Amino acid sequence: MTALQPADLAIKPRRIDFVLPESLPRHWHGGDPFKTHFFNSMSILFPDGERFFIDSVRHFRPQIDDAEQLALIKGFIGQEGHHSREHIEYNQRLSDLGYDVDKLMQPVKRRIRYVQKHFSPERQLAGTVAMEHFTAIMADSVLRERRWFDGAIEPMQRIWRWHALEETEHKAVAFDVYMQVCGDRKLLRAAMRQSTFFFLKDVTLGMWHMLWHDGELTNLRMWRKGLAWLWGRGGFLSSLWGVYRDFYHEDFHPWQHDNQQLMREYQREFEADGVISPA
């Protein structure tokens, strides 16, 4: 285990009763189609992606003999399993609105099947490590800058805060397993480049489909505002450039981005109604 990791870190999945609207508002993020469908498109990726993450880490669990690390792996698997289930329900709400969620999920499913058939377990784990960094830095931004959800309905803000908190808690688990069983930094960097390409591609295709379905695809004003919000100066993704690049450093570890205090603040938010379940 690394000295950078919080000394008392414990990873436990929370069973929280998220009451999503039975009929999800089509543009739940302040009436903004662009922002709404950016987050919706990420949700579509999560169920299959997180099952892949679980499988890639679980494969190496027999090689780990440190009790503390095994407990963190157990917590990681439990949290990712809960995320997958909540986002399946979230995605069902999107299907109910008429979006072809199954069609959008097919490229992800095919890619995962290909990777699991043709890539080594080490390479699969490297892909998990890369995507866990991506989700961790986005999670930190969601928790640190609540303005990203200004105008969004509270149930959706809450499910994204919960997901962001747990991504923060387990952000180093896959990385630490990888460094113990493989440690090839060159492979990690290649996995990050590949993961970045497919993440941006999949999210863009999801947004394109949902905006087309809504009749918003040619709304130039929406595109100008949305792209500025996402990629402009201080935008949601553009503001992550520095912490994203840190991953490529030879000595990088996820807890070099020390957001323990922020994590504790949000743990207190959820401890009252978050029922801790066995991982």
C-alpha atoms as a PDB file:
ATOM      1  CA  MET A   1       0.000   0.000   0.000  1.00  0.00           C
ATOM      2  CA  THR A   2       1.162   3.555  -0.639  1.00  0.00           C
ATOM      3  CA  ALA A   3       1.865   6.157   2.008  1.00  0.00           C
ATOM      4  CA  LEU A   4      -0.232   8.613  -0.027  1.00  0.00           C
ATOM      5  CA  GLN A   5      -3.423   6.680   0.667  1.00  0.00           C
ATOM      6  CA  PRO A   6      -5.577   7.933   3.572  1.00  0.00           C
ATOM      7  CA  ALA A   7      -4.601   5.907   6.617  1.00  0.00           C
ATOM      8  CA  ASP A   8      -8.167   5.110   7.677  1.00  0.00           C
ATOM      9  CA  LEU A   9      -9.634   4.584   4.215  1.00  0.00           C
ATOM     10  CA  ALA A  10     -12.511   2.116   4.189  1.00  0.00           C
ATOM     11  CA  ILE A  11     -14.531   1.421   1.065  1.00  0.00           C
ATOM     12  CA  LYS A  12     -18.103   0.354   1.646  1.00  0.00           C
ATOM     13  CA  PRO A  13     -20.985   0.458  -0.853  1.00  0.00           C
ATOM     14  CA  ARG A  14     -23.977   2.550   0.178  1.00  0.00           C
ATOM     15  CA  ARG A  15     -27.488   1.337  -0.507  1.00  0.00           C
ATOM     16  CA  ILE A  16     -29.365   4.590  -0.963  1.00  0.00           C
ATOM     17  CA  ASP A  17     -32.986   4.821  -2.010  1.00  0.00           C
ATOM     18  CA  PHE A  18     -32.719   7.193  -4.950  1.00  0.00           C
ATOM     19  CA  VAL A  19     -36.193   8.301  -5.901  1.00  0.00           C
ATOM     20  CA  LEU A  20     -35.825   9.120  -9.575  1.00  0.00           C
ATOM     21  CA  PRO A  21     -38.883  10.728 -11.153  1.00  0.00           C
ATOM     22  CA  GLU A  22     -41.104   8.060 -12.657  1.00  0.00           C
ATOM     23  CA  SER A  23     -41.164  10.207 -15.760  1.00  0.00           C
ATOM     24  CA  LEU A  24     -37.721  11.801 -15.991  1.00  0.00           C
ATOM     25  CA  PRO A  25     -37.878  15.387 -17.315  1.00  0.00           C
ATOM     26  CA  ARG A  26     -36.469  15.290 -20.832  1.00  0.00           C
ATOM     27  CA  HIS A  27     -34.019  18.101 -20.102  1.00  0.00           C
ATOM     28  CA  TRP A  28     -33.571  17.673 -16.368  1.00  0.00           C
ATOM     29  CA  HIS A  29     -30.431  19.833 -16.254  1.00  0.00           C
ATOM     30  CA  GLY A  30     -32.038  23.270 -16.080  1.00  0.00           C
ATOM     31  CA  GLY A  31     -33.854  22.750 -19.363  1.00  0.00           C
ATOM     32  CA  ASP A  32     -30.507  22.495 -21.176  1.00  0.00           C
ATOM     33  CA  PRO A  33     -30.401  19.625 -23.714  1.00  0.00           C
ATOM     34  CA  PHE A  34     -26.616  19.716 -24.094  1.00  0.00           C
ATOM     35  CA  LYS A  35     -25.755  19.425 -20.397  1.00  0.00           C
ATOM     36  CA  THR A  36     -28.521  16.896 -19.795  1.00  0.00           C
ATOM     37  CA  HIS A  37     -27.390  14.583 -22.554  1.00  0.00           C
ATOM     38  CA  PHE A  38     -23.706  14.878 -21.700  1.00  0.00           C
ATOM     39  CA  PHE A  39     -24.439  13.246 -18.342  1.00  0.00           C
ATOM     40  CA  ASN A  40     -27.061  10.912 -19.810  1.00  0.00           C
ATOM     41  CA  SER A  41     -24.520   9.655 -22.342  1.00  0.00           C
ATOM     42  CA  MET A  42     -22.054   8.841 -19.587  1.00  0.00           C
ATOM     43  CA  SER A  43     -24.738   6.949 -17.691  1.00  0.00           C
ATOM     44  CA  ILE A  44     -25.338   4.702 -20.701  1.00  0.00           C
ATOM     45  CA  LEU A  45     -21.681   3.601 -20.588  1.00  0.00           C
ATOM     46  CA  PHE A  46     -21.588   2.725 -16.902  1.00  0.00           C
ATOM     47  CA  PRO A  47     -23.386  -0.621 -16.463  1.00  0.00           C
ATOM     48  CA  ASP A  48     -21.255  -2.578 -18.946  1.00  0.00           C
ATOM     49  CA  GLY A  49     -18.125  -0.575 -18.222  1.00  0.00           C
ATOM     50  CA  GLU A  50     -18.303  -1.099 -14.480  1.00  0.00           C
ATOM     51  CA  ARG A  51     -18.901  -4.839 -14.847  1.00  0.00           C
ATOM     52  CA  PHE A  52     -15.746  -4.903 -16.978  1.00  0.00           C
ATOM     53  CA  PHE A  53     -13.845  -3.020 -14.252  1.00  0.00           C
ATOM     54  CA  ILE A  54     -15.014  -5.529 -11.635  1.00  0.00           C
ATOM     55  CA  ASP A  55     -13.959  -8.508 -13.763  1.00  0.00           C
ATOM     56  CA  SER A  56     -10.534  -7.068 -14.553  1.00  0.00           C
ATOM     57  CA  VAL A  57      -9.716  -6.460 -10.877  1.00  0.00           C
ATOM     58  CA  ARG A  58     -11.320  -9.677  -9.619  1.00  0.00           C
ATOM     59  CA  HIS A  59      -9.113 -11.724 -11.969  1.00  0.00           C
ATOM     60  CA  PHE A  60      -6.014 -10.731  -9.971  1.00  0.00           C
ATOM     61  CA  ARG A  61      -7.506 -10.958  -6.486  1.00  0.00           C
ATOM     62  CA  PRO A  62      -5.963 -14.422  -5.837  1.00  0.00           C
ATOM     63  CA  GLN A  63      -2.518 -12.848  -6.285  1.00  0.00           C
ATOM     64  CA  ILE A  64      -3.099 -10.331  -3.483  1.00  0.00           C
ATOM     65  CA  ASP A  65      -2.235 -11.441   0.041  1.00  0.00           C
ATOM     66  CA  ASP A  66      -2.414  -8.145   1.926  1.00  0.00           C
ATOM     67  CA  ALA A  67      -5.563  -8.127   4.084  1.00  0.00           C
ATOM     68  CA  GLU A  68      -6.053  -4.355   3.855  1.00  0.00           C
ATOM     69  CA  GLN A  69      -5.745  -4.364   0.090  1.00  0.00           C
ATOM     70  CA  LEU A  70      -8.158  -7.299  -0.176  1.00  0.00           C
ATOM     71  CA  ALA A  71     -10.695  -5.370   1.897  1.00  0.00           C
ATOM     72  CA  LEU A  72     -10.371  -2.391  -0.448  1.00  0.00           C
ATOM     73  CA  ILE A  73     -10.833  -4.656  -3.480  1.00  0.00           C
ATOM     74  CA  LYS A  74     -13.972  -6.088  -1.894  1.00  0.00           C
ATOM     75  CA  GLY A  75     -15.290  -2.567  -1.332  1.00  0.00           C
ATOM     76  CA  PHE A  76     -14.407  -1.544  -4.888  1.00  0.00           C
ATOM     77  CA  ILE A  77     -16.345  -4.496  -6.324  1.00  0.00           C
ATOM     78  CA  GLY A  78     -19.326  -3.747  -4.100  1.00  0.00           C
ATOM     79  CA  GLN A  79     -19.432  -0.061  -4.991  1.00  0.00           C
ATOM     80  CA  GLU A  80     -19.081  -0.653  -8.722  1.00  0.00           C
ATOM     81  CA  GLY A  81     -21.827  -3.279  -8.558  1.00  0.00           C
ATOM     82  CA  HIS A  82     -24.186  -0.772  -6.910  1.00  0.00           C
ATOM     83  CA  HIS A  83     -23.296   1.875  -9.512  1.00  0.00           C
ATOM     84  CA  SER A  84     -24.131  -0.512 -12.316  1.00  0.00           C
ATOM     85  CA  ARG A  85     -27.550  -1.291 -10.836  1.00  0.00           C
ATOM     86  CA  GLU A  86     -28.478   2.357 -10.221  1.00  0.00           C
ATOM     87  CA  HIS A  87     -27.477   3.367 -13.723  1.00  0.00           C
ATOM     88  CA  ILE A  88     -29.512   0.517 -15.204  1.00  0.00           C
ATOM     89  CA  GLU A  89     -32.565   2.109 -13.579  1.00  0.00           C
ATOM     90  CA  TYR A  90     -31.438   5.581 -14.726  1.00  0.00           C
ATOM     91  CA  ASN A  91     -30.989   4.262 -18.270  1.00  0.00           C
ATOM     92  CA  GLN A  92     -34.447   2.688 -18.196  1.00  0.00           C
ATOM     93  CA  ARG A  93     -35.851   6.184 -17.617  1.00  0.00           C
ATOM     94  CA  LEU A  94     -33.989   7.279 -20.754  1.00  0.00           C
ATOM     95  CA  SER A  95     -35.476   4.378 -22.715  1.00  0.00           C
ATOM     96  CA  ASP A  96     -38.920   5.389 -21.492  1.00  0.00           C
ATOM     97  CA  LEU A  97     -38.331   8.804 -23.074  1.00  0.00           C
ATOM     98  CA  GLY A  98     -37.788   7.133 -26.435  1.00  0.00           C
ATOM     99  CA  TYR A  99     -33.985   7.126 -26.667  1.00  0.00           C
ATOM    100  CA  ASP A 100     -32.518   3.959 -28.170  1.00  0.00           C
ATOM    101  CA  VAL A 101     -30.342   3.054 -25.191  1.00  0.00           C
ATOM    102  CA  ASP A 102     -29.885  -0.544 -26.359  1.00  0.00           C
ATOM    103  CA  LYS A 103     -28.497   0.627 -29.702  1.00  0.00           C
ATOM    104  CA  LEU A 104     -26.086   3.027 -27.971  1.00  0.00           C
ATOM    105  CA  MET A 105     -24.864   0.256 -25.666  1.00  0.00           C
ATOM    106  CA  GLN A 106     -24.084  -2.214 -28.463  1.00  0.00           C
ATOM    107  CA  PRO A 107     -20.693  -0.743 -29.520  1.00  0.00           C
ATOM    108  CA  VAL A 108     -19.576  -0.783 -25.880  1.00  0.00           C
ATOM    109  CA  LYS A 109     -20.677  -4.388 -25.434  1.00  0.00           C
ATOM    110  CA  ARG A 110     -18.902  -5.471 -28.645  1.00  0.00           C
ATOM    111  CA  ARG A 111     -15.714  -3.681 -27.645  1.00  0.00           C
ATOM    112  CA  ILE A 112     -15.695  -5.275 -24.208  1.00  0.00           C
ATOM    113  CA  ARG A 113     -16.253  -8.736 -25.705  1.00  0.00           C
ATOM    114  CA  TYR A 114     -13.363  -8.157 -28.103  1.00  0.00           C
ATOM    115  CA  VAL A 115     -11.048  -6.906 -25.348  1.00  0.00           C
ATOM    116  CA  GLN A 116     -11.874  -9.811 -23.046  1.00  0.00           C
ATOM    117  CA  LYS A 117     -11.235 -12.288 -25.858  1.00  0.00           C
ATOM    118  CA  HIS A 118      -8.053 -10.817 -27.350  1.00  0.00           C
ATOM    119  CA  PHE A 119      -6.331  -8.717 -24.667  1.00  0.00           C
ATOM    120  CA  SER A 120      -4.227 -10.071 -21.808  1.00  0.00           C
ATOM    121  CA  PRO A 121      -5.615  -9.715 -18.267  1.00  0.00           C
ATOM    122  CA  GLU A 122      -2.852  -7.163 -17.570  1.00  0.00           C
ATOM    123  CA  ARG A 123      -3.918  -5.051 -20.532  1.00  0.00           C
ATOM    124  CA  GLN A 124      -7.564  -5.264 -19.456  1.00  0.00           C
ATOM    125  CA  LEU A 125      -6.596  -4.098 -15.986  1.00  0.00           C
ATOM    126  CA  ALA A 126      -4.577  -1.239 -17.499  1.00  0.00           C
ATOM    127  CA  GLY A 127      -7.726  -0.101 -19.298  1.00  0.00           C
ATOM    128  CA  THR A 128      -9.620  -0.171 -16.016  1.00  0.00           C
ATOM    129  CA  VAL A 129      -6.904   1.880 -14.316  1.00  0.00           C
ATOM    130  CA  ALA A 130      -7.069   4.463 -17.104  1.00  0.00           C
ATOM    131  CA  MET A 131     -10.844   4.833 -16.948  1.00  0.00           C
ATOM    132  CA  GLU A 132     -10.787   4.937 -13.148  1.00  0.00           C
ATOM    133  CA  HIS A 133      -8.469   7.952 -13.394  1.00  0.00           C
ATOM    134  CA  PHE A 134     -10.825   9.585 -15.868  1.00  0.00           C
ATOM    135  CA  THR A 135     -13.833   9.016 -13.609  1.00  0.00           C
ATOM    136  CA  ALA A 136     -11.881  10.104 -10.516  1.00  0.00           C
ATOM    137  CA  ILE A 137     -10.894  13.497 -11.900  1.00  0.00           C
ATOM    138  CA  MET A 138     -14.431  14.123 -13.179  1.00  0.00           C
ATOM    139  CA  ALA A 139     -15.781  13.018  -9.787  1.00  0.00           C
ATOM    140  CA  ASP A 140     -13.505  15.462  -7.999  1.00  0.00           C
ATOM    141  CA  SER A 141     -14.765  18.272 -10.215  1.00  0.00           C
ATOM    142  CA  VAL A 142     -18.413  17.321  -9.571  1.00  0.00           C
ATOM    143  CA  LEU A 143     -17.827  17.389  -5.803  1.00  0.00           C
ATOM    144  CA  ARG A 144     -15.607  20.469  -5.769  1.00  0.00           C
ATOM    145  CA  GLU A 145     -17.575  22.634  -8.215  1.00  0.00           C
ATOM    146  CA  ARG A 146     -21.282  22.256  -7.561  1.00  0.00           C
ATOM    147  CA  ARG A 147     -21.888  24.833 -10.291  1.00  0.00           C
ATOM    148  CA  TRP A 148     -21.670  22.016 -12.829  1.00  0.00           C
ATOM    149  CA  PHE A 149     -25.159  21.018 -11.731  1.00  0.00           C
ATOM    150  CA  ASP A 150     -26.660  24.471 -11.299  1.00  0.00           C
ATOM    151  CA  GLY A 151     -30.311  24.253 -12.316  1.00  0.00           C
ATOM    152  CA  ALA A 152     -30.458  20.446 -12.361  1.00  0.00           C
ATOM    153  CA  ILE A 153     -33.261  18.712 -10.472  1.00  0.00           C
ATOM    154  CA  GLU A 154     -32.180  17.499  -7.041  1.00  0.00           C
ATOM    155  CA  PRO A 155     -32.643  13.714  -7.560  1.00  0.00           C
ATOM    156  CA  MET A 156     -30.200  13.827 -10.484  1.00  0.00           C
ATOM    157  CA  GLN A 157     -27.722  16.023  -8.628  1.00  0.00           C
ATOM    158  CA  ARG A 158     -27.840  13.577  -5.763  1.00  0.00           C
ATOM    159  CA  ILE A 159     -27.221  10.420  -7.788  1.00  0.00           C
ATOM    160  CA  TRP A 160     -24.227  12.037  -9.486  1.00  0.00           C
ATOM    161  CA  ARG A 161     -22.797  13.263  -6.146  1.00  0.00           C
ATOM    162  CA  TRP A 162     -23.127   9.759  -4.683  1.00  0.00           C
ATOM    163  CA  HIS A 163     -21.416   8.224  -7.694  1.00  0.00           C
ATOM    164  CA  ALA A 164     -18.673  10.860  -7.560  1.00  0.00           C
ATOM    165  CA  LEU A 165     -18.032  10.248  -3.863  1.00  0.00           C
ATOM    166  CA  GLU A 166     -17.599   6.503  -4.285  1.00  0.00           C
ATOM    167  CA  GLU A 167     -15.403   6.949  -7.368  1.00  0.00           C
ATOM    168  CA  THR A 168     -13.210   9.157  -5.186  1.00  0.00           C
ATOM    169  CA  GLU A 169     -13.063   6.625  -2.360  1.00  0.00           C
ATOM    170  CA  HIS A 170     -11.914   3.760  -4.594  1.00  0.00           C
ATOM    171  CA  LYS A 171      -9.897   5.756  -7.146  1.00  0.00           C
ATOM    172  CA  ALA A 172      -6.615   3.989  -6.367  1.00  0.00           C
ATOM    173  CA  VAL A 173      -7.781   0.391  -5.934  1.00  0.00           C
ATOM    174  CA  ALA A 174      -7.320  -0.808  -9.518  1.00  0.00           C
ATOM    175  CA  PHE A 175      -4.099   1.213  -9.789  1.00  0.00           C
ATOM    176  CA  ASP A 176      -2.572  -0.420  -6.700  1.00  0.00           C
ATOM    177  CA  VAL A 177      -3.520  -3.896  -7.902  1.00  0.00           C
ATOM    178  CA  TYR A 178      -2.004  -3.152 -11.303  1.00  0.00           C
ATOM    179  CA  MET A 179       1.265  -1.887  -9.824  1.00  0.00           C
ATOM    180  CA  GLN A 180       1.550  -5.049  -7.743  1.00  0.00           C
ATOM    181  CA  VAL A 181       0.810  -7.558 -10.515  1.00  0.00           C
ATOM    182  CA  CYS A 182       2.278  -5.758 -13.537  1.00  0.00           C
ATOM    183  CA  GLY A 183       3.528  -2.194 -13.083  1.00  0.00           C
ATOM    184  CA  ASP A 184       4.225  -1.471 -16.758  1.00  0.00           C
ATOM    185  CA  ARG A 185       3.814   2.314 -17.059  1.00  0.00           C
ATOM    186  CA  LYS A 186       4.148   2.254 -20.852  1.00  0.00           C
ATOM    187  CA  LEU A 187       1.133  -0.047 -21.060  1.00  0.00           C
ATOM    188  CA  LEU A 188      -0.794   2.280 -18.741  1.00  0.00           C
ATOM    189  CA  ARG A 189      -0.092   5.303 -20.920  1.00  0.00           C
ATOM    190  CA  ALA A 190      -1.187   3.445 -24.043  1.00  0.00           C
ATOM    191  CA  ALA A 191      -4.365   2.344 -22.264  1.00  0.00           C
ATOM    192  CA  MET A 192      -5.126   5.933 -21.276  1.00  0.00           C
ATOM    193  CA  ARG A 193      -4.766   7.199 -24.838  1.00  0.00           C
ATOM    194  CA  GLN A 194      -7.066   4.465 -26.087  1.00  0.00           C
ATOM    195  CA  SER A 195      -9.586   4.917 -23.276  1.00  0.00           C
ATOM    196  CA  THR A 196      -9.708   8.674 -23.831  1.00  0.00           C
ATOM    197  CA  PHE A 197     -10.491   8.222 -27.517  1.00  0.00           C
ATOM    198  CA  PHE A 198     -13.317   5.753 -26.940  1.00  0.00           C
ATOM    199  CA  PHE A 199     -14.787   7.664 -24.000  1.00  0.00           C
ATOM    200  CA  LEU A 200     -15.046  10.880 -25.998  1.00  0.00           C
ATOM    201  CA  LYS A 201     -16.354   8.997 -29.043  1.00  0.00           C
ATOM    202  CA  ASP A 202     -19.039   7.114 -27.102  1.00  0.00           C
ATOM    203  CA  VAL A 203     -20.243  10.181 -25.203  1.00  0.00           C
ATOM    204  CA  THR A 204     -20.372  12.229 -28.401  1.00  0.00           C
ATOM    205  CA  LEU A 205     -22.393   9.550 -30.225  1.00  0.00           C
ATOM    206  CA  GLY A 206     -24.802   9.289 -27.297  1.00  0.00           C
ATOM    207  CA  MET A 207     -25.325  13.033 -27.208  1.00  0.00           C
ATOM    208  CA  TRP A 208     -25.750  13.160 -30.979  1.00  0.00           C
ATOM    209  CA  HIS A 209     -28.487  10.502 -30.858  1.00  0.00           C
ATOM    210  CA  MET A 210     -30.413  12.088 -27.996  1.00  0.00           C
ATOM    211  CA  LEU A 211     -30.164  15.612 -29.410  1.00  0.00           C
ATOM    212  CA  TRP A 212     -31.362  14.299 -32.788  1.00  0.00           C
ATOM    213  CA  HIS A 213     -34.307  12.560 -31.103  1.00  0.00           C
ATOM    214  CA  ASP A 214     -35.207  15.849 -29.375  1.00  0.00           C
ATOM    215  CA  GLY A 215     -34.991  17.865 -32.591  1.00  0.00           C
ATOM    216  CA  GLU A 216     -32.122  19.904 -31.117  1.00  0.00           C
ATOM    217  CA  LEU A 217     -29.298  18.789 -33.385  1.00  0.00           C
ATOM    218  CA  THR A 218     -29.370  21.990 -35.465  1.00  0.00           C
ATOM    219  CA  ASN A 219     -29.805  24.303 -32.485  1.00  0.00           C
ATOM    220  CA  LEU A 220     -26.661  26.406 -33.032  1.00  0.00           C
ATOM    221  CA  ARG A 221     -27.180  28.534 -29.935  1.00  0.00           C
ATOM    222  CA  MET A 222     -27.332  25.405 -27.797  1.00  0.00           C
ATOM    223  CA  TRP A 223     -24.116  24.094 -29.389  1.00  0.00           C
ATOM    224  CA  ARG A 224     -22.254  27.362 -28.805  1.00  0.00           C
ATOM    225  CA  LYS A 225     -23.243  27.500 -25.162  1.00  0.00           C
ATOM    226  CA  GLY A 226     -22.724  23.768 -24.606  1.00  0.00           C
ATOM    227  CA  LEU A 227     -19.285  23.561 -26.182  1.00  0.00           C
ATOM    228  CA  ALA A 228     -18.168  26.597 -24.178  1.00  0.00           C
ATOM    229  CA  TRP A 229     -19.460  24.923 -20.999  1.00  0.00           C
ATOM    230  CA  LEU A 230     -17.614  21.704 -21.841  1.00  0.00           C
ATOM    231  CA  TRP A 231     -14.444  22.800 -23.655  1.00  0.00           C
ATOM    232  CA  GLY A 232     -14.180  26.554 -23.163  1.00  0.00           C
ATOM    233  CA  ARG A 233     -11.866  28.240 -20.694  1.00  0.00           C
ATOM    234  CA  GLY A 234     -12.629  26.708 -17.304  1.00  0.00           C
ATOM    235  CA  GLY A 235     -15.053  24.250 -18.917  1.00  0.00           C
ATOM    236  CA  PHE A 236     -16.058  20.929 -17.388  1.00  0.00           C
ATOM    237  CA  LEU A 237     -13.582  18.871 -19.423  1.00  0.00           C
ATOM    238  CA  SER A 238     -11.037  21.529 -20.355  1.00  0.00           C
ATOM    239  CA  SER A 239     -10.444  22.334 -16.669  1.00  0.00           C
ATOM    240  CA  LEU A 240      -9.332  18.724 -16.125  1.00  0.00           C
ATOM    241  CA  TRP A 241      -6.392  18.919 -18.550  1.00  0.00           C
ATOM    242  CA  GLY A 242      -3.700  19.339 -15.870  1.00  0.00           C
ATOM    243  CA  VAL A 243      -4.834  16.494 -13.610  1.00  0.00           C
ATOM    244  CA  TYR A 244      -5.495  14.319 -16.655  1.00  0.00           C
ATOM    245  CA  ARG A 245      -1.885  14.754 -17.858  1.00  0.00           C
ATOM    246  CA  ASP A 246      -0.503  13.810 -14.451  1.00  0.00           C
ATOM    247  CA  PHE A 247      -1.421  10.213 -15.244  1.00  0.00           C
ATOM    248  CA  TYR A 248       1.386  10.085 -17.823  1.00  0.00           C
ATOM    249  CA  HIS A 249       4.107  10.874 -15.245  1.00  0.00           C
ATOM    250  CA  GLU A 250       6.354   7.971 -14.307  1.00  0.00           C
ATOM    251  CA  ASP A 251       5.750   8.420 -10.569  1.00  0.00           C
ATOM    252  CA  PHE A 252       2.000   9.111 -10.697  1.00  0.00           C
ATOM    253  CA  HIS A 253      -0.332   7.747  -8.033  1.00  0.00           C
ATOM    254  CA  PRO A 254      -4.060   8.670  -7.784  1.00  0.00           C
ATOM    255  CA  TRP A 255      -3.768   9.921  -4.212  1.00  0.00           C
ATOM    256  CA  GLN A 256      -1.239  12.528  -5.317  1.00  0.00           C
ATOM    257  CA  HIS A 257      -4.453  14.404  -6.024  1.00  0.00           C
ATOM    258  CA  ASP A 258      -5.235  14.695  -2.340  1.00  0.00           C
ATOM    259  CA  ASN A 259      -8.941  15.411  -1.967  1.00  0.00           C
ATOM    260  CA  GLN A 260      -9.430  13.605   1.338  1.00  0.00           C
ATOM    261  CA  GLN A 261     -11.049  16.606   3.023  1.00  0.00           C
ATOM    262  CA  LEU A 262     -13.553  16.967   0.202  1.00  0.00           C
ATOM    263  CA  MET A 263     -14.262  13.237   0.377  1.00  0.00           C
ATOM    264  CA  ARG A 264     -14.945  13.465   4.135  1.00  0.00           C
ATOM    265  CA  GLU A 265     -17.396  16.329   3.623  1.00  0.00           C
ATOM    266  CA  TYR A 266     -19.505  14.307   1.222  1.00  0.00           C
ATOM    267  CA  GLN A 267     -19.241  11.165   3.324  1.00  0.00           C
ATOM    268  CA  ARG A 268     -21.015  13.116   6.061  1.00  0.00           C
ATOM    269  CA  GLU A 269     -23.742  14.130   3.596  1.00  0.00           C
ATOM    270  CA  PHE A 270     -24.555  10.518   2.820  1.00  0.00           C
ATOM    271  CA  GLU A 271     -23.895   8.824   6.166  1.00  0.00           C
ATOM    272  CA  ALA A 272     -27.333   9.698   7.541  1.00  0.00           C
ATOM    273  CA  ASP A 273     -29.329   7.880   4.876  1.00  0.00           C
ATOM    274  CA  GLY A 274     -26.756   5.702   3.176  1.00  0.00           C
ATOM    275  CA  VAL A 275     -27.163   2.176   4.450  1.00  0.00           C
ATOM    276  CA  ILE A 276     -23.761   0.516   4.356  1.00  0.00           C
ATOM    277  CA  SER A 277     -24.009  -2.961   2.899  1.00  0.00           C
ATOM    278  CA  PRO A 278     -21.475  -5.796   2.779  1.00  0.00           C
ATOM    279  CA  ALA A 279     -19.271  -5.565  -0.298  1.00  0.00           C
END
